[in-house]
Amino acid sequence: APNGGRILGQIEERIGQGVTVLSGVDEARLTFLAARR
């Protein structure tokens, strides 16, 4: 989303920490790890 960065800032302010924005490849690798285990 073009305004995704601004929204992330609002979320981070609410939760008091950073949010990791996963790339599509990150999603694929983490999900693969879960399936392999």
Full PDB file with SEQRES, HELIX, SHEET, SSBOND, CRYST1, ORIGX, SCALE, CONECT and MASTER records, all heavy atoms in Angstrom:
SEQRES   1 A   37  ALA PRO ASN GLY GLY ARG ILE LEU GLY GLN ILE GLU GLU          
SEQRES   2 A   37  ARG ILE GLY GLN GLY VAL THR VAL LEU SER GLY VAL ASP          
SEQRES   3 A   37  GLU ALA ARG LEU THR PHE LEU ALA ALA ARG ARG                  
HELIX    1 AA1 GLY A    4  ILE A   15  1                                  12    
HELIX    2 AA2 GLY A   24  ARG A   36  1                                  13    
CRYST1    1.000    1.000    1.000  90.00  90.00  90.00 P 1           1          
ORIGX1      1.000000  0.000000  0.000000        0.00000                         
ORIGX2      0.000000  1.000000  0.000000        0.00000                         
ORIGX3      0.000000  0.000000  1.000000        0.00000                         
SCALE1      1.000000  0.000000  0.000000        0.00000                         
SCALE2      0.000000  1.000000  0.000000        0.00000                         
SCALE3      0.000000  0.000000  1.000000        0.00000                         
ATOM      1  N   ALA A   1       0.831  -1.206   0.000  1.00  0.00           N  
ATOM      2  CA  ALA A   1       0.000   0.000   0.000  1.00  0.00           C  
ATOM      3  C   ALA A   1       0.868   1.261   0.000  1.00  0.00           C  
ATOM      4  O   ALA A   1       1.830   1.352   0.769  1.00  0.00           O  
ATOM      5  CB  ALA A   1      -0.916   0.007   1.216  1.00  0.00           C  
ATOM      6  N   PRO A   2       0.541   2.262  -0.844  1.00  0.00           N  
ATOM      7  CA  PRO A   2       1.304   3.512  -0.841  1.00  0.00           C  
ATOM      8  C   PRO A   2       1.347   4.194   0.526  1.00  0.00           C  
ATOM      9  O   PRO A   2       2.327   4.860   0.849  1.00  0.00           O  
ATOM     10  CB  PRO A   2       0.558   4.370  -1.876  1.00  0.00           C  
ATOM     11  CG  PRO A   2      -0.070   3.379  -2.802  1.00  0.00           C  
ATOM     12  CD  PRO A   2      -0.463   2.234  -1.921  1.00  0.00           C  
ATOM     13  N   ASN A   3       0.280   4.044   1.307  1.00  0.00           N  
ATOM     14  CA  ASN A   3       0.265   4.647   2.650  1.00  0.00           C  
ATOM     15  C   ASN A   3       0.591   3.629   3.740  1.00  0.00           C  
ATOM     16  O   ASN A   3       0.342   3.858   4.922  1.00  0.00           O  
ATOM     17  CB  ASN A   3      -1.087   5.303   2.927  1.00  0.00           C  
ATOM     18  CG  ASN A   3      -2.257   4.317   2.878  1.00  0.00           C  
ATOM     19  OD1 ASN A   3      -2.168   3.269   2.241  1.00  0.00           O  
ATOM     20  ND2 ASN A   3      -3.345   4.674   3.525  1.00  0.00           N  
ATOM     21  N   GLY A   4       1.171   2.492   3.339  1.00  0.00           N  
ATOM     22  CA  GLY A   4       1.484   1.444   4.309  1.00  0.00           C  
ATOM     23  C   GLY A   4       2.468   1.891   5.369  1.00  0.00           C  
ATOM     24  O   GLY A   4       2.337   1.536   6.542  1.00  0.00           O  
ATOM     25  N   GLY A   5       3.469   2.696   4.970  1.00  0.00           N  
ATOM     26  CA  GLY A   5       4.455   3.159   5.939  1.00  0.00           C  
ATOM     27  C   GLY A   5       3.846   4.010   7.031  1.00  0.00           C  
ATOM     28  O   GLY A   5       4.192   3.873   8.213  1.00  0.00           O  
ATOM     29  N   ARG A   6       2.928   4.890   6.638  1.00  0.00           N  
ATOM     30  CA  ARG A   6       2.276   5.740   7.628  1.00  0.00           C  
ATOM     31  C   ARG A   6       1.401   4.916   8.577  1.00  0.00           C  
ATOM     32  O   ARG A   6       1.370   5.162   9.789  1.00  0.00           O  
ATOM     33  CB  ARG A   6       1.436   6.802   6.934  1.00  0.00           C  
ATOM     34  CG  ARG A   6       0.880   7.865   7.891  1.00  0.00           C  
ATOM     35  CD  ARG A   6       0.259   9.031   7.161  1.00  0.00           C  
ATOM     36  NE  ARG A   6      -1.014   8.707   6.547  1.00  0.00           N  
ATOM     37  CZ  ARG A   6      -1.217   8.599   5.235  1.00  0.00           C  
ATOM     38  NH1 ARG A   6      -0.204   8.791   4.397  1.00  0.00           N  
ATOM     39  NH2 ARG A   6      -2.391   8.308   4.747  1.00  0.00           N  
ATOM     40  N   ILE A   7       0.707   3.933   8.034  1.00  0.00           N  
ATOM     41  CA  ILE A   7      -0.137   3.074   8.865  1.00  0.00           C  
ATOM     42  C   ILE A   7       0.728   2.262   9.834  1.00  0.00           C  
ATOM     43  O   ILE A   7       0.389   2.104  11.011  1.00  0.00           O  
ATOM     44  CB  ILE A   7      -0.993   2.139   7.989  1.00  0.00           C  
ATOM     45  CG1 ILE A   7      -1.931   2.957   7.102  1.00  0.00           C  
ATOM     46  CG2 ILE A   7      -1.799   1.170   8.853  1.00  0.00           C  
ATOM     47  CD1 ILE A   7      -2.627   2.141   6.033  1.00  0.00           C  
ATOM     48  N   LEU A   8       1.858   1.771   9.335  1.00  0.00           N  
ATOM     49  CA  LEU A   8       2.769   1.026  10.212  1.00  0.00           C  
ATOM     50  C   LEU A   8       3.242   1.879  11.374  1.00  0.00           C  
ATOM     51  O   LEU A   8       3.368   1.403  12.504  1.00  0.00           O  
ATOM     52  CB  LEU A   8       3.975   0.527   9.409  1.00  0.00           C  
ATOM     53  CG  LEU A   8       3.763  -0.744   8.599  1.00  0.00           C  
ATOM     54  CD1 LEU A   8       4.943  -0.975   7.671  1.00  0.00           C  
ATOM     55  CD2 LEU A   8       3.551  -1.949   9.506  1.00  0.00           C  
ATOM     56  N   GLY A   9       3.492   3.162  11.100  1.00  0.00           N  
ATOM     57  CA  GLY A   9       3.889   4.065  12.176  1.00  0.00           C  
ATOM     58  C   GLY A   9       2.830   4.171  13.253  1.00  0.00           C  
ATOM     59  O   GLY A   9       3.143   4.185  14.454  1.00  0.00           O  
ATOM     60  N   GLN A  10       1.547   4.211  12.839  1.00  0.00           N  
ATOM     61  CA  GLN A  10       0.449   4.271  13.806  1.00  0.00           C  
ATOM     62  C   GLN A  10       0.375   2.980  14.619  1.00  0.00           C  
ATOM     63  O   GLN A  10       0.129   3.011  15.826  1.00  0.00           O  
ATOM     64  CB  GLN A  10      -0.871   4.512  13.076  1.00  0.00           C  
ATOM     65  CG  GLN A  10      -0.987   5.869  12.424  1.00  0.00           C  
ATOM     66  CD  GLN A  10      -2.298   6.018  11.670  1.00  0.00           C  
ATOM     67  OE1 GLN A  10      -2.380   5.833  10.458  1.00  0.00           O  
ATOM     68  NE2 GLN A  10      -3.349   6.348  12.406  1.00  0.00           N  
ATOM     69  N   ILE A  11       0.574   1.858  13.947  1.00  0.00           N  
ATOM     70  CA  ILE A  11       0.534   0.575  14.651  1.00  0.00           C  
ATOM     71  C   ILE A  11       1.684   0.476  15.655  1.00  0.00           C  
ATOM     72  O   ILE A  11       1.497   0.076  16.815  1.00  0.00           O  
ATOM     73  CB  ILE A  11       0.594  -0.588  13.646  1.00  0.00           C  
ATOM     74  CG1 ILE A  11      -0.676  -0.619  12.787  1.00  0.00           C  
ATOM     75  CG2 ILE A  11       0.767  -1.928  14.381  1.00  0.00           C  
ATOM     76  CD1 ILE A  11      -0.615  -1.611  11.640  1.00  0.00           C  
ATOM     77  N   GLU A  12       2.870   0.863  15.228  1.00  0.00           N  
ATOM     78  CA  GLU A  12       4.028   0.785  16.110  1.00  0.00           C  
ATOM     79  C   GLU A  12       3.882   1.687  17.329  1.00  0.00           C  
ATOM     80  O   GLU A  12       4.294   1.324  18.433  1.00  0.00           O  
ATOM     81  CB  GLU A  12       5.287   1.133  15.311  1.00  0.00           C  
ATOM     82  CG  GLU A  12       5.654   0.054  14.303  1.00  0.00           C  
ATOM     83  CD  GLU A  12       6.808   0.447  13.405  1.00  0.00           C  
ATOM     84  OE1 GLU A  12       7.127   1.660  13.328  1.00  0.00           O  
ATOM     85  OE2 GLU A  12       7.398  -0.455  12.776  1.00  0.00           O  
ATOM     86  N   GLU A  13       3.272   2.830  17.122  1.00  0.00           N  
ATOM     87  CA  GLU A  13       3.024   3.728  18.260  1.00  0.00           C  
ATOM     88  C   GLU A  13       2.060   3.081  19.246  1.00  0.00           C  
ATOM     89  O   GLU A  13       2.217   3.201  20.464  1.00  0.00           O  
ATOM     90  CB  GLU A  13       2.459   5.051  17.758  1.00  0.00           C  
ATOM     91  CG  GLU A  13       2.268   6.103  18.836  1.00  0.00           C  
ATOM     92  CD  GLU A  13       1.789   7.431  18.289  1.00  0.00           C  
ATOM     93  OE1 GLU A  13       1.845   7.630  17.059  1.00  0.00           O  
ATOM     94  OE2 GLU A  13       1.348   8.264  19.095  1.00  0.00           O  
ATOM     95  N   ARG A  14       1.078   2.358  18.723  1.00  0.00           N  
ATOM     96  CA  ARG A  14       0.091   1.705  19.587  1.00  0.00           C  
ATOM     97  C   ARG A  14       0.693   0.565  20.386  1.00  0.00           C  
ATOM     98  O   ARG A  14       0.358   0.370  21.555  1.00  0.00           O  
ATOM     99  CB  ARG A  14      -1.053   1.148  18.712  1.00  0.00           C  
ATOM    100  CG  ARG A  14      -2.256   2.058  18.601  1.00  0.00           C  
ATOM    101  CD  ARG A  14      -3.265   1.411  17.651  1.00  0.00           C  
ATOM    102  NE  ARG A  14      -4.621   1.762  17.980  1.00  0.00           N  
ATOM    103  CZ  ARG A  14      -5.183   2.920  17.692  1.00  0.00           C  
ATOM    104  NH1 ARG A  14      -4.480   3.851  17.086  1.00  0.00           N  
ATOM    105  NH2 ARG A  14      -6.451   3.141  18.024  1.00  0.00           N  
ATOM    106  N   ILE A  15       1.564  -0.229  19.749  1.00  0.00           N  
ATOM    107  CA  ILE A  15       2.052  -1.429  20.422  1.00  0.00           C  
ATOM    108  C   ILE A  15       3.384  -1.202  21.127  1.00  0.00           C  
ATOM    109  O   ILE A  15       3.854  -2.069  21.866  1.00  0.00           O  
ATOM    110  CB  ILE A  15       2.159  -2.618  19.445  1.00  0.00           C  
ATOM    111  CG1 ILE A  15       3.272  -2.393  18.408  1.00  0.00           C  
ATOM    112  CG2 ILE A  15       0.821  -2.853  18.743  1.00  0.00           C  
ATOM    113  CD1 ILE A  15       3.467  -3.582  17.478  1.00  0.00           C  
ATOM    114  N   GLY A  16       4.012  -0.056  20.878  1.00  0.00           N  
ATOM    115  CA  GLY A  16       5.239   0.280  21.594  1.00  0.00           C  
ATOM    116  C   GLY A  16       6.485  -0.416  21.092  1.00  0.00           C  
ATOM    117  O   GLY A  16       7.472  -0.540  21.832  1.00  0.00           O  
ATOM    118  N   GLN A  17       6.489  -0.869  19.847  1.00  0.00           N  
ATOM    119  CA  GLN A  17       7.662  -1.518  19.276  1.00  0.00           C  
ATOM    120  C   GLN A  17       7.525  -1.557  17.756  1.00  0.00           C  
ATOM    121  O   GLN A  17       6.486  -1.217  17.195  1.00  0.00           O  
ATOM    122  CB  GLN A  17       7.823  -2.941  19.809  1.00  0.00           C  
ATOM    123  CG  GLN A  17       6.740  -3.909  19.331  1.00  0.00           C  
ATOM    124  CD  GLN A  17       7.049  -5.346  19.710  1.00  0.00           C  
ATOM    125  OE1 GLN A  17       7.052  -5.689  20.880  1.00  0.00           O  
ATOM    126  NE2 GLN A  17       7.322  -6.181  18.719  1.00  0.00           N  
ATOM    127  N   GLY A  18       8.588  -1.986  17.104  1.00  0.00           N  
ATOM    128  CA  GLY A  18       8.567  -2.068  15.655  1.00  0.00           C  
ATOM    129  C   GLY A  18       7.774  -3.256  15.138  1.00  0.00           C  
ATOM    130  O   GLY A  18       7.522  -4.223  15.860  1.00  0.00           O  
ATOM    131  N   VAL A  19       7.374  -3.146  13.877  1.00  0.00           N  
ATOM    132  CA  VAL A  19       6.689  -4.228  13.173  1.00  0.00           C  
ATOM    133  C   VAL A  19       7.583  -4.651  12.009  1.00  0.00           C  
ATOM    134  O   VAL A  19       8.032  -3.810  11.223  1.00  0.00           O  
ATOM    135  CB  VAL A  19       5.316  -3.783  12.640  1.00  0.00           C  
ATOM    136  CG1 VAL A  19       4.682  -4.884  11.784  1.00  0.00           C  
ATOM    137  CG2 VAL A  19       4.394  -3.387  13.781  1.00  0.00           C  
ATOM    138  N   THR A  20       7.848  -5.937  11.892  1.00  0.00           N  
ATOM    139  CA  THR A  20       8.634  -6.448  10.773  1.00  0.00           C  
ATOM    140  C   THR A  20       7.723  -6.634   9.564  1.00  0.00           C  
ATOM    141  O   THR A  20       6.734  -7.366   9.635  1.00  0.00           O  
ATOM    142  CB  THR A  20       9.279  -7.803  11.131  1.00  0.00           C  
ATOM    143  OG1 THR A  20      10.160  -7.614  12.243  1.00  0.00           O  
ATOM    144  CG2 THR A  20      10.069  -8.353   9.953  1.00  0.00           C  
ATOM    145  N   VAL A  21       8.048  -5.945   8.482  1.00  0.00           N  
ATOM    146  CA  VAL A  21       7.288  -6.100   7.242  1.00  0.00           C  
ATOM    147  C   VAL A  21       7.969  -7.189   6.420  1.00  0.00           C  
ATOM    148  O   VAL A  21       9.089  -7.011   5.933  1.00  0.00           O  
ATOM    149  CB  VAL A  21       7.229  -4.784   6.460  1.00  0.00           C  
ATOM    150  CG1 VAL A  21       6.400  -4.979   5.184  1.00  0.00           C  
ATOM    151  CG2 VAL A  21       6.617  -3.680   7.310  1.00  0.00           C  
ATOM    152  N   LEU A  22       7.302  -8.311   6.294  1.00  0.00           N  
ATOM    153  CA  LEU A  22       7.885  -9.451   5.592  1.00  0.00           C  
ATOM    154  C   LEU A  22       7.747  -9.289   4.086  1.00  0.00           C  
ATOM    155  O   LEU A  22       6.690  -8.885   3.587  1.00  0.00           O  
ATOM    156  CB  LEU A  22       7.178 -10.741   6.017  1.00  0.00           C  
ATOM    157  CG  LEU A  22       7.257 -11.122   7.492  1.00  0.00           C  
ATOM    158  CD1 LEU A  22       6.377 -12.343   7.749  1.00  0.00           C  
ATOM    159  CD2 LEU A  22       8.688 -11.410   7.915  1.00  0.00           C  
ATOM    160  N   SER A  23       8.790  -9.619   3.367  1.00  0.00           N  
ATOM    161  CA  SER A  23       8.668  -9.721   1.919  1.00  0.00           C  
ATOM    162  C   SER A  23       7.917 -11.004   1.581  1.00  0.00           C  
ATOM    163  O   SER A  23       7.740 -11.890   2.434  1.00  0.00           O  
ATOM    164  CB  SER A  23      10.049  -9.742   1.274  1.00  0.00           C  
ATOM    165  OG  SER A  23      10.711 -10.961   1.572  1.00  0.00           O  
ATOM    166  N   GLY A  24       7.498 -11.130   0.328  1.00  0.00           N  
ATOM    167  CA  GLY A  24       6.835 -12.364  -0.081  1.00  0.00           C  
ATOM    168  C   GLY A  24       7.744 -13.566   0.065  1.00  0.00           C  
ATOM    169  O   GLY A  24       7.311 -14.655   0.466  1.00  0.00           O  
ATOM    170  N   VAL A  25       9.031 -13.385  -0.230  1.00  0.00           N  
ATOM    171  CA  VAL A  25       9.984 -14.486  -0.078  1.00  0.00           C  
ATOM    172  C   VAL A  25      10.161 -14.841   1.399  1.00  0.00           C  
ATOM    173  O   VAL A  25      10.260 -16.021   1.763  1.00  0.00           O  
ATOM    174  CB  VAL A  25      11.338 -14.114  -0.723  1.00  0.00           C  
ATOM    175  CG1 VAL A  25      12.398 -15.157  -0.410  1.00  0.00           C  
ATOM    176  CG2 VAL A  25      11.172 -13.980  -2.242  1.00  0.00           C  
ATOM    177  N   ASP A  26      10.172 -13.822   2.277  1.00  0.00           N  
ATOM    178  CA  ASP A  26      10.219 -14.096   3.728  1.00  0.00           C  
ATOM    179  C   ASP A  26       9.047 -14.973   4.143  1.00  0.00           C  
ATOM    180  O   ASP A  26       9.205 -15.940   4.901  1.00  0.00           O  
ATOM    181  CB  ASP A  26      10.140 -12.788   4.525  1.00  0.00           C  
ATOM    182  CG  ASP A  26      11.385 -11.924   4.395  1.00  0.00           C  
ATOM    183  OD1 ASP A  26      12.460 -12.473   4.104  1.00  0.00           O  
ATOM    184  OD2 ASP A  26      11.264 -10.696   4.581  1.00  0.00           O  
ATOM    185  N   GLU A  27       7.859 -14.611   3.672  1.00  0.00           N  
ATOM    186  CA  GLU A  27       6.662 -15.386   4.011  1.00  0.00           C  
ATOM    187  C   GLU A  27       6.821 -16.836   3.550  1.00  0.00           C  
ATOM    188  O   GLU A  27       6.497 -17.781   4.291  1.00  0.00           O  
ATOM    189  CB  GLU A  27       5.423 -14.776   3.361  1.00  0.00           C  
ATOM    190  CG  GLU A  27       4.993 -13.439   3.914  1.00  0.00           C  
ATOM    191  CD  GLU A  27       3.687 -12.983   3.293  1.00  0.00           C  
ATOM    192  OE1 GLU A  27       2.706 -13.752   3.374  1.00  0.00           O  
ATOM    193  OE2 GLU A  27       3.652 -11.884   2.722  1.00  0.00           O  
ATOM    194  N   ALA A  28       7.299 -17.002   2.315  1.00  0.00           N  
ATOM    195  CA  ALA A  28       7.446 -18.349   1.768  1.00  0.00           C  
ATOM    196  C   ALA A  28       8.442 -19.165   2.588  1.00  0.00           C  
ATOM    197  O   ALA A  28       8.207 -20.339   2.901  1.00  0.00           O  
ATOM    198  CB  ALA A  28       7.889 -18.270   0.309  1.00  0.00           C  
ATOM    199  N   ARG A  29       9.566 -18.565   2.977  1.00  0.00           N  
ATOM    200  CA  ARG A  29      10.609 -19.287   3.704  1.00  0.00           C  
ATOM    201  C   ARG A  29      10.164 -19.656   5.122  1.00  0.00           C  
ATOM    202  O   ARG A  29      10.427 -20.765   5.599  1.00  0.00           O  
ATOM    203  CB  ARG A  29      11.894 -18.461   3.743  1.00  0.00           C  
ATOM    204  CG  ARG A  29      12.583 -18.350   2.389  1.00  0.00           C  
ATOM    205  CD  ARG A  29      13.917 -17.633   2.476  1.00  0.00           C  
ATOM    206  NE  ARG A  29      14.538 -17.535   1.170  1.00  0.00           N  
ATOM    207  CZ  ARG A  29      15.222 -18.514   0.573  1.00  0.00           C  
ATOM    208  NH1 ARG A  29      15.363 -19.676   1.202  1.00  0.00           N  
ATOM    209  NH2 ARG A  29      15.755 -18.356  -0.612  1.00  0.00           N  
ATOM    210  N   LEU A  30       9.496 -18.724   5.797  1.00  0.00           N  
ATOM    211  CA  LEU A  30       9.032 -19.024   7.156  1.00  0.00           C  
ATOM    212  C   LEU A  30       7.946 -20.096   7.143  1.00  0.00           C  
ATOM    213  O   LEU A  30       7.919 -20.986   8.011  1.00  0.00           O  
ATOM    214  CB  LEU A  30       8.514 -17.750   7.826  1.00  0.00           C  
ATOM    215  CG  LEU A  30       9.569 -16.751   8.290  1.00  0.00           C  
ATOM    216  CD1 LEU A  30       8.904 -15.465   8.772  1.00  0.00           C  
ATOM    217  CD2 LEU A  30      10.435 -17.337   9.400  1.00  0.00           C  
ATOM    218  N   THR A  31       7.045 -20.025   6.184  1.00  0.00           N  
ATOM    219  CA  THR A  31       5.977 -21.021   6.100  1.00  0.00           C  
ATOM    220  C   THR A  31       6.552 -22.378   5.734  1.00  0.00           C  
ATOM    221  O   THR A  31       6.119 -23.420   6.251  1.00  0.00           O  
ATOM    222  CB  THR A  31       4.919 -20.580   5.084  1.00  0.00           C  
ATOM    223  OG1 THR A  31       4.475 -19.252   5.393  1.00  0.00           O  
ATOM    224  CG2 THR A  31       3.716 -21.505   5.124  1.00  0.00           C  
ATOM    225  N   PHE A  32       7.543 -22.373   4.865  1.00  0.00           N  
ATOM    226  CA  PHE A  32       8.208 -23.634   4.506  1.00  0.00           C  
ATOM    227  C   PHE A  32       8.879 -24.260   5.726  1.00  0.00           C  
ATOM    228  O   PHE A  32       8.811 -25.476   5.926  1.00  0.00           O  
ATOM    229  CB  PHE A  32       9.243 -23.374   3.411  1.00  0.00           C  
ATOM    230  CG  PHE A  32       9.913 -24.629   2.906  1.00  0.00           C  
ATOM    231  CD1 PHE A  32       9.357 -25.360   1.873  1.00  0.00           C  
ATOM    232  CD2 PHE A  32      11.100 -25.079   3.474  1.00  0.00           C  
ATOM    233  CE1 PHE A  32       9.966 -26.529   1.411  1.00  0.00           C  
ATOM    234  CE2 PHE A  32      11.712 -26.240   3.029  1.00  0.00           C  
ATOM    235  CZ  PHE A  32      11.145 -26.966   1.988  1.00  0.00           C  
ATOM    236  N   LEU A  33       9.540 -23.436   6.550  1.00  0.00           N  
ATOM    237  CA  LEU A  33      10.172 -23.953   7.767  1.00  0.00           C  
ATOM    238  C   LEU A  33       9.143 -24.648   8.651  1.00  0.00           C  
ATOM    239  O   LEU A  33       9.395 -25.739   9.188  1.00  0.00           O  
ATOM    240  CB  LEU A  33      10.833 -22.809   8.539  1.00  0.00           C  
ATOM    241  CG  LEU A  33      11.361 -23.156   9.937  1.00  0.00           C  
ATOM    242  CD1 LEU A  33      12.479 -24.189   9.865  1.00  0.00           C  
ATOM    243  CD2 LEU A  33      11.833 -21.893  10.659  1.00  0.00           C  
ATOM    244  N   ALA A  34       7.961 -24.020   8.815  1.00  0.00           N  
ATOM    245  CA  ALA A  34       6.911 -24.623   9.640  1.00  0.00           C  
ATOM    246  C   ALA A  34       6.479 -25.972   9.083  1.00  0.00           C  
ATOM    247  O   ALA A  34       6.324 -26.953   9.829  1.00  0.00           O  
ATOM    248  CB  ALA A  34       5.721 -23.673   9.729  1.00  0.00           C  
ATOM    249  N   ALA A  35       6.297 -26.039   7.760  1.00  0.00           N  
ATOM    250  CA  ALA A  35       5.876 -27.299   7.145  1.00  0.00           C  
ATOM    251  C   ALA A  35       6.954 -28.370   7.270  1.00  0.00           C  
ATOM    252  O   ALA A  35       6.661 -29.538   7.546  1.00  0.00           O  
ATOM    253  CB  ALA A  35       5.527 -27.060   5.671  1.00  0.00           C  
ATOM    254  N   ARG A  36       8.210 -27.974   7.081  1.00  0.00           N  
ATOM    255  CA  ARG A  36       9.294 -28.948   7.212  1.00  0.00           C  
ATOM    256  C   ARG A  36       9.360 -29.515   8.626  1.00  0.00           C  
ATOM    257  O   ARG A  36       9.515 -30.737   8.820  1.00  0.00           O  
ATOM    258  CB  ARG A  36      10.626 -28.281   6.847  1.00  0.00           C  
ATOM    259  CG  ARG A  36      11.855 -29.116   7.176  1.00  0.00           C  
ATOM    260  CD  ARG A  36      11.848 -30.448   6.441  1.00  0.00           C  
ATOM    261  NE  ARG A  36      12.124 -30.271   5.027  1.00  0.00           N  
ATOM    262  CZ  ARG A  36      11.904 -31.193   4.099  1.00  0.00           C  
ATOM    263  NH1 ARG A  36      11.372 -32.368   4.450  1.00  0.00           N  
ATOM    264  NH2 ARG A  36      12.181 -30.972   2.825  1.00  0.00           N  
ATOM    265  N   ARG A  37       9.231 -28.653   9.632  1.00  0.00           N  
ATOM    266  CA  ARG A  37       9.273 -29.144  11.018  1.00  0.00           C  
ATOM    267  C   ARG A  37       8.059 -30.049  11.308  1.00  0.00           C  
ATOM    268  O   ARG A  37       8.159 -30.993  12.091  1.00  0.00           O  
ATOM    269  CB  ARG A  37       9.287 -27.964  11.988  1.00  0.00           C  
ATOM    270  CG  ARG A  37      10.553 -27.124  11.926  1.00  0.00           C  
ATOM    271  CD  ARG A  37      11.718 -27.745  12.688  1.00  0.00           C  
ATOM    272  NE  ARG A  37      12.913 -26.912  12.568  1.00  0.00           N  
ATOM    273  CZ  ARG A  37      13.250 -25.954  13.426  1.00  0.00           C  
ATOM    274  NH1 ARG A  37      12.488 -25.710  14.487  1.00  0.00           N  
ATOM    275  NH2 ARG A  37      14.338 -25.242  13.226  1.00  0.00           N  
TER     276      ARG A  37                                                      
MASTER        0    0    0    2    0    0    0    6  275    1    0    3          
END                                                                             
